[in-house]
Amino acid sequence: MPLTEAGIYAAALQLIDTDGVEALTMRKLATVLDANPMSLYHHVPNKDALLRGVARMVGAQFRTVTLEDAPWQERIRLLATDFRTLAHRHPKLMAYSFGQPDFLQPEDPFWAALTAILEAAGVPRSEVPQIAAVMCAVVVGVLTAELNGALHRWANLEPTAPAAGENGAADAGPDEDRMFRLVLDTIISGLESQLAADRNGQGAGH
């Protein structure tokens, strides 16, 4: 079967899901594809380009339920939750991709959906990119900490001095689902406050 970019990216993703980005090599990929390693370079010039292509392929597959009639707050929660589901579907790839400054592109479905929701919420068009960028930074930061285990570890850190009447940390481990909802609630509350302040400021100006 002739080599194609799509086939190369799909095979690379399977290797990444199994062994991680660091273990991926062009030679190992060629073995999986039963191809000459040099033939891969006719489609992808190097490993960095390969990883970018795999990330674009996964990003293009992102889907979220469209709820144009729902409150923007609910749409934000659904979008971020679906993005988190994608991150956990391919944790090794996404942990790597989150560290790349060009991870998000204007045409990415997630970015397009987020900016559309912010406009629907009443964010001035000139401010949409900045607010979307901050929201992405927060969500990606939390997901990175989830995927690399840092969030779990931090949530298990005990206070240096337990409060009076307490005997150390509780037995239950951290609930990362609840923690992610807390992040979304905080983001949404902050944006609600900003939008209300903007409206009040405009009102006062009149």
Protein backbone atom coordinates (compact mmCIF):
# COMPACT_ATOMS: atom_id res chain seq x y z
CA MET A 1 0.00 0.00 0.00
CA PRO A 2 1.50 3.38 -0.97
CA LEU A 3 2.55 5.75 1.79
CA THR A 4 0.36 8.78 2.48
CA GLU A 5 0.69 11.63 4.94
CA ALA A 6 -2.54 10.57 6.64
CA GLY A 7 -1.32 6.99 7.01
CA ILE A 8 2.04 8.14 8.36
CA TYR A 9 0.40 10.42 10.91
CA ALA A 10 -2.03 7.72 12.02
CA ALA A 11 0.77 5.20 12.53
CA ALA A 12 2.85 7.78 14.39
CA LEU A 13 -0.07 8.55 16.69
CA GLN A 14 -0.43 4.88 17.58
CA LEU A 15 3.25 4.72 18.49
CA ILE A 16 3.01 7.91 20.56
CA ASP A 17 -0.08 6.65 22.41
CA THR A 18 1.82 3.47 23.29
CA ASP A 19 5.37 4.60 23.98
CA GLY A 20 5.36 8.41 24.09
CA VAL A 21 6.82 11.14 21.91
CA GLU A 22 10.40 10.51 23.02
CA ALA A 23 10.31 6.91 21.80
CA LEU A 24 9.07 7.84 18.33
CA THR A 25 11.74 7.64 15.63
CA MET A 26 11.51 7.70 11.86
CA ARG A 27 13.13 4.27 11.74
CA LYS A 28 10.62 2.76 14.18
CA LEU A 29 7.77 4.36 12.26
CA ALA A 30 9.07 2.95 8.99
CA THR A 31 9.17 -0.52 10.54
CA VAL A 32 5.52 -0.24 11.58
CA LEU A 33 4.60 0.92 8.07
CA ASP A 34 6.79 -1.77 6.49
CA ALA A 35 8.55 0.94 4.50
CA ASN A 36 12.07 2.13 3.81
CA PRO A 37 12.92 4.86 6.37
CA MET A 38 14.15 7.16 3.62
CA SER A 39 10.79 6.96 1.87
CA LEU A 40 9.14 8.72 4.82
CA TYR A 41 11.16 11.84 4.10
CA HIS A 42 9.31 12.29 0.83
CA HIS A 43 6.23 13.08 2.94
CA VAL A 44 7.61 14.57 6.18
CA PRO A 45 11.04 16.26 6.32
CA ASN A 46 11.85 15.46 9.96
CA LYS A 47 10.44 14.39 13.31
CA ASP A 48 9.36 17.91 14.27
CA ALA A 49 7.27 18.20 11.12
CA LEU A 50 5.87 14.75 11.79
CA LEU A 51 4.78 15.75 15.30
CA ARG A 52 3.19 18.95 14.02
CA GLY A 53 1.28 16.95 11.45
CA VAL A 54 0.05 14.46 14.04
CA ALA A 55 -1.04 17.30 16.33
CA ARG A 56 -2.92 18.99 13.48
CA MET A 57 -4.63 15.70 12.62
CA VAL A 58 -5.81 15.20 16.19
CA GLY A 59 -6.82 18.85 16.56
CA ALA A 60 -8.88 18.70 13.38
CA GLN A 61 -10.78 15.74 14.83
CA PHE A 62 -11.91 17.77 17.83
CA ARG A 63 -15.68 17.92 18.02
CA THR A 64 -18.02 19.48 20.53
CA VAL A 65 -21.79 19.63 20.72
CA THR A 66 -23.10 22.87 19.25
CA LEU A 67 -25.54 24.63 21.57
CA GLU A 68 -26.10 28.05 20.03
CA ASP A 69 -29.25 28.61 22.08
CA ALA A 70 -27.64 27.66 25.41
CA PRO A 71 -26.16 30.29 27.75
CA TRP A 72 -22.56 31.09 26.87
CA GLN A 73 -21.49 29.83 30.29
CA GLU A 74 -22.79 26.35 29.51
CA ARG A 75 -21.18 26.43 26.08
CA ILE A 76 -17.81 27.28 27.63
CA ARG A 77 -18.13 24.40 30.10
CA LEU A 78 -19.04 21.92 27.37
CA LEU A 79 -16.27 23.09 25.04
CA ALA A 80 -13.59 22.88 27.73
CA THR A 81 -14.84 19.51 28.98
CA ASP A 82 -14.78 18.04 25.47
CA PHE A 83 -11.26 19.42 24.99
CA ARG A 84 -10.22 17.76 28.24
CA THR A 85 -11.69 14.46 26.98
CA LEU A 86 -9.56 14.75 23.84
CA ALA A 87 -6.46 15.45 25.94
CA HIS A 88 -7.03 12.31 27.99
CA ARG A 89 -7.66 10.28 24.84
CA HIS A 90 -4.13 11.04 23.62
CA PRO A 91 -2.34 12.12 26.81
CA LYS A 92 1.24 11.60 25.65
CA LEU A 93 0.77 13.56 22.44
CA MET A 94 -1.21 16.33 24.12
CA ALA A 95 1.27 16.73 26.97
CA TYR A 96 3.96 17.29 24.34
CA SER A 97 1.80 19.56 22.19
CA PHE A 98 0.80 21.79 25.09
CA GLY A 99 4.46 22.78 25.41
CA GLN A 100 4.64 24.07 21.83
CA PRO A 101 3.90 27.80 21.30
CA ASP A 102 2.24 27.10 17.93
CA PHE A 103 -0.03 24.41 19.36
CA LEU A 104 -3.19 26.42 18.61
CA GLN A 105 -3.86 27.91 15.18
CA PRO A 106 -6.69 30.24 14.06
CA GLU A 107 -8.33 27.48 12.05
CA ASP A 108 -8.36 24.94 14.89
CA PRO A 109 -11.94 23.88 15.76
CA PHE A 110 -11.37 24.52 19.48
CA TRP A 111 -10.08 28.07 18.95
CA ALA A 112 -12.81 28.85 16.42
CA ALA A 113 -15.53 27.63 18.77
CA LEU A 114 -14.08 29.47 21.77
CA THR A 115 -13.81 32.81 20.00
CA ALA A 116 -17.37 32.43 18.65
CA ILE A 117 -18.69 31.80 22.17
CA LEU A 118 -16.87 34.83 23.54
CA GLU A 119 -18.37 37.04 20.86
CA ALA A 120 -21.82 35.63 21.65
CA ALA A 121 -21.20 36.41 25.33
CA GLY A 122 -20.74 40.07 24.47
CA VAL A 123 -16.97 40.37 24.57
CA PRO A 124 -15.89 43.21 22.26
CA ARG A 125 -14.38 41.80 19.07
CA SER A 126 -11.10 43.63 19.69
CA GLU A 127 -10.73 41.87 23.06
CA VAL A 128 -11.72 38.36 21.99
CA PRO A 129 -8.20 37.14 21.07
CA GLN A 130 -6.68 38.29 24.36
CA ILE A 131 -9.42 36.79 26.53
CA ALA A 132 -9.42 33.56 24.51
CA ALA A 133 -5.63 33.36 24.88
CA VAL A 134 -5.83 33.75 28.67
CA MET A 135 -8.58 31.14 28.94
CA CYS A 136 -6.57 28.70 26.80
CA ALA A 137 -3.48 29.30 28.92
CA VAL A 138 -5.38 28.48 32.10
CA VAL A 139 -7.13 25.38 30.73
CA VAL A 140 -3.99 24.06 29.03
CA GLY A 141 -1.97 24.70 32.19
CA VAL A 142 -4.40 22.70 34.30
CA LEU A 143 -4.57 19.88 31.75
CA THR A 144 -0.77 19.75 31.56
CA ALA A 145 -0.65 19.37 35.34
CA GLU A 146 -3.28 16.64 35.13
CA LEU A 147 -1.47 14.70 32.43
CA ASN A 148 1.97 14.82 34.03
CA GLY A 149 0.67 14.01 37.51
CA ALA A 150 1.58 17.35 39.07
CA LEU A 151 -2.02 18.26 39.89
CA HIS A 152 -2.53 14.99 41.75
CA ARG A 153 0.68 15.52 43.73
CA TRP A 154 -0.09 19.15 44.59
CA ALA A 155 -3.60 18.23 45.72
CA ASN A 156 -2.07 15.72 48.14
CA LEU A 157 0.32 18.18 49.74
CA GLU A 158 -0.47 18.55 53.42
CA PRO A 159 -0.62 21.95 55.12
CA THR A 160 2.55 22.71 57.08
CA ALA A 161 0.46 23.10 60.21
CA PRO A 162 -2.92 21.28 60.41
CA ALA A 163 -5.78 23.34 61.75
CA ALA A 164 -6.83 22.80 65.33
CA GLY A 165 -8.82 19.61 65.75
CA GLU A 166 -7.58 18.08 62.47
CA ASN A 167 -5.40 14.99 62.25
CA GLY A 168 -3.67 15.41 58.91
CA ALA A 169 -4.95 14.93 55.36
CA ALA A 170 -8.19 13.18 54.53
CA ASP A 171 -8.07 9.66 53.16
CA ALA A 172 -9.85 10.49 49.90
CA GLY A 173 -7.62 11.34 46.96
CA PRO A 174 -8.11 14.44 44.82
CA ASP A 175 -11.16 14.54 42.56
CA GLU A 176 -9.69 15.92 39.34
CA ASP A 177 -13.13 16.15 37.70
CA ARG A 178 -14.31 18.43 40.49
CA MET A 179 -11.08 20.41 40.35
CA PHE A 180 -11.53 20.99 36.62
CA ARG A 181 -15.09 22.17 37.20
CA LEU A 182 -13.73 24.59 39.79
CA VAL A 183 -11.31 25.98 37.21
CA LEU A 184 -14.16 26.50 34.73
CA ASP A 185 -16.36 28.12 37.37
CA THR A 186 -13.53 30.50 38.22
CA ILE A 187 -12.92 31.42 34.58
CA ILE A 188 -16.61 31.96 33.92
CA SER A 189 -17.13 34.02 37.10
CA GLY A 190 -14.20 36.21 36.17
CA LEU A 191 -15.57 36.83 32.67
CA GLU A 192 -19.05 37.52 34.03
CA SER A 193 -17.57 40.14 36.36
CA GLN A 194 -15.58 41.72 33.55
CA LEU A 195 -18.59 41.88 31.25
CA ALA A 196 -20.73 43.39 34.03
CA ALA A 197 -18.05 45.98 34.77
CA ASP A 198 -17.85 46.88 31.08
CA ARG A 199 -21.63 47.32 30.90
CA ASN A 200 -21.67 49.45 34.04
CA GLY A 201 -18.84 51.56 32.72
CA GLN A 202 -20.68 52.18 29.48
CA GLY A 203 -23.80 53.05 31.41
CA ALA A 204 -21.95 55.50 33.59
CA GLY A 205 -20.45 57.09 30.51
CA HIS A 206 -23.93 57.89 29.24
